[in-house]
Amino acid sequence: MAINLLNIEPHKVSKDLSGYITYIYGAPKTGKTTLATQMPGALLLAFEPGYNALPGVMAQDITTWGEMRQVYRELKKPEVKAAYKSII
């Protein structure tokens, strides 16, 4: 592909967090998971059962590396990509 500096368009900044990887860090019990599950189309990959007190959370328990590999395969499917916008 040839570079043409006369066809450059100004960069547009997204008004939401879609397309960005966000890292939330904090002390235990400060609401990190609660905040993250409020993102649009959130799917929580639960490596520990701490989400049990959060109503309405879409969560997949993961207890083995094999289950995580299955989740990775599922996340590549177009219908799964359409269903979830945020992976926690």
Protein backbone atom coordinates (compact mmCIF):
# COMPACT_ATOMS: atom_id res chain seq x y z
CA MET A 1 0.00 0.00 0.00
CA ALA A 2 1.40 3.38 -0.98
CA ILE A 3 1.59 6.21 1.52
CA ASN A 4 -0.19 9.40 0.53
CA LEU A 5 0.22 12.20 3.07
CA LEU A 6 -2.46 14.30 1.38
CA ASN A 7 -5.17 11.74 2.25
CA ILE A 8 -4.60 11.72 6.02
CA GLU A 9 -7.80 12.13 8.05
CA PRO A 10 -7.83 13.66 11.55
CA HIS A 11 -7.90 11.09 14.37
CA LYS A 12 -11.26 10.78 16.13
CA VAL A 13 -11.20 9.94 19.82
CA SER A 14 -13.77 7.39 20.99
CA LYS A 15 -16.34 8.75 23.44
CA ASP A 16 -16.50 5.43 25.30
CA LEU A 17 -14.06 2.69 26.32
CA SER A 18 -14.86 0.30 23.46
CA GLY A 19 -11.73 -0.77 21.68
CA TYR A 20 -9.54 -0.08 24.71
CA ILE A 21 -8.03 -2.46 27.23
CA THR A 22 -8.66 -1.12 30.72
CA TYR A 23 -6.91 -2.27 33.88
CA ILE A 24 -8.66 -1.67 37.20
CA TYR A 25 -6.44 -1.95 40.26
CA GLY A 26 -7.32 -1.52 43.91
CA ALA A 27 -7.44 -2.99 47.36
CA PRO A 28 -9.73 -5.96 48.06
CA LYS A 29 -13.44 -5.18 48.52
CA THR A 30 -13.31 -1.72 46.89
CA GLY A 31 -15.80 -2.51 44.11
CA LYS A 32 -13.54 -3.34 41.16
CA THR A 33 -15.65 -6.24 39.94
CA THR A 34 -18.90 -4.37 40.61
CA LEU A 35 -17.66 -1.46 38.52
CA ALA A 36 -16.47 -3.72 35.70
CA THR A 37 -19.74 -5.67 35.49
CA GLN A 38 -21.58 -2.41 34.82
CA MET A 39 -19.82 -2.08 31.46
CA PRO A 40 -22.10 -2.66 28.44
CA GLY A 41 -22.44 -6.31 27.41
CA ALA A 42 -20.19 -7.56 30.22
CA LEU A 43 -19.11 -11.19 30.55
CA LEU A 44 -17.26 -12.07 33.75
CA LEU A 45 -14.72 -14.88 33.51
CA ALA A 46 -14.88 -15.99 37.13
CA PHE A 47 -11.69 -17.51 38.47
CA GLU A 48 -13.03 -17.17 42.01
CA PRO A 49 -16.60 -17.22 43.39
CA GLY A 50 -16.60 -13.60 44.66
CA TYR A 51 -19.26 -12.48 42.17
CA ASN A 52 -22.03 -14.42 43.97
CA ALA A 53 -23.36 -11.23 45.61
CA LEU A 54 -23.74 -9.36 42.31
CA PRO A 55 -27.24 -9.74 40.84
CA GLY A 56 -27.69 -10.13 37.10
CA VAL A 57 -24.04 -10.75 36.28
CA MET A 58 -23.33 -12.86 33.20
CA ALA A 59 -20.51 -15.08 34.48
CA GLN A 60 -18.67 -18.21 33.40
CA ASP A 61 -16.94 -20.11 36.20
CA ILE A 62 -13.43 -21.22 35.26
CA THR A 63 -11.66 -23.76 37.43
CA THR A 64 -9.17 -25.36 35.05
CA TRP A 65 -6.83 -24.32 32.26
CA GLY A 66 -8.86 -26.53 29.91
CA GLU A 67 -12.00 -24.51 30.66
CA MET A 68 -10.12 -21.29 29.94
CA ARG A 69 -8.98 -22.66 26.60
CA GLN A 70 -12.61 -23.55 25.79
CA VAL A 71 -13.65 -19.99 26.62
CA TYR A 72 -10.95 -18.60 24.29
CA ARG A 73 -12.32 -20.75 21.46
CA GLU A 74 -15.88 -19.60 22.19
CA LEU A 75 -14.86 -15.93 22.27
CA LYS A 76 -13.66 -16.19 18.66
CA LYS A 77 -17.15 -17.07 17.38
CA PRO A 78 -18.97 -14.17 15.67
CA GLU A 79 -22.20 -14.76 17.59
CA VAL A 80 -20.33 -14.64 20.92
CA LYS A 81 -18.50 -11.47 19.84
CA ALA A 82 -21.90 -9.93 19.09
CA ALA A 83 -23.34 -10.97 22.47
CA TYR A 84 -20.55 -9.57 24.69
CA LYS A 85 -18.78 -6.23 24.43
CA SER A 86 -16.76 -6.31 27.66
CA ILE A 87 -14.75 -9.28 28.93
CA ILE A 88 -13.89 -9.15 32.63
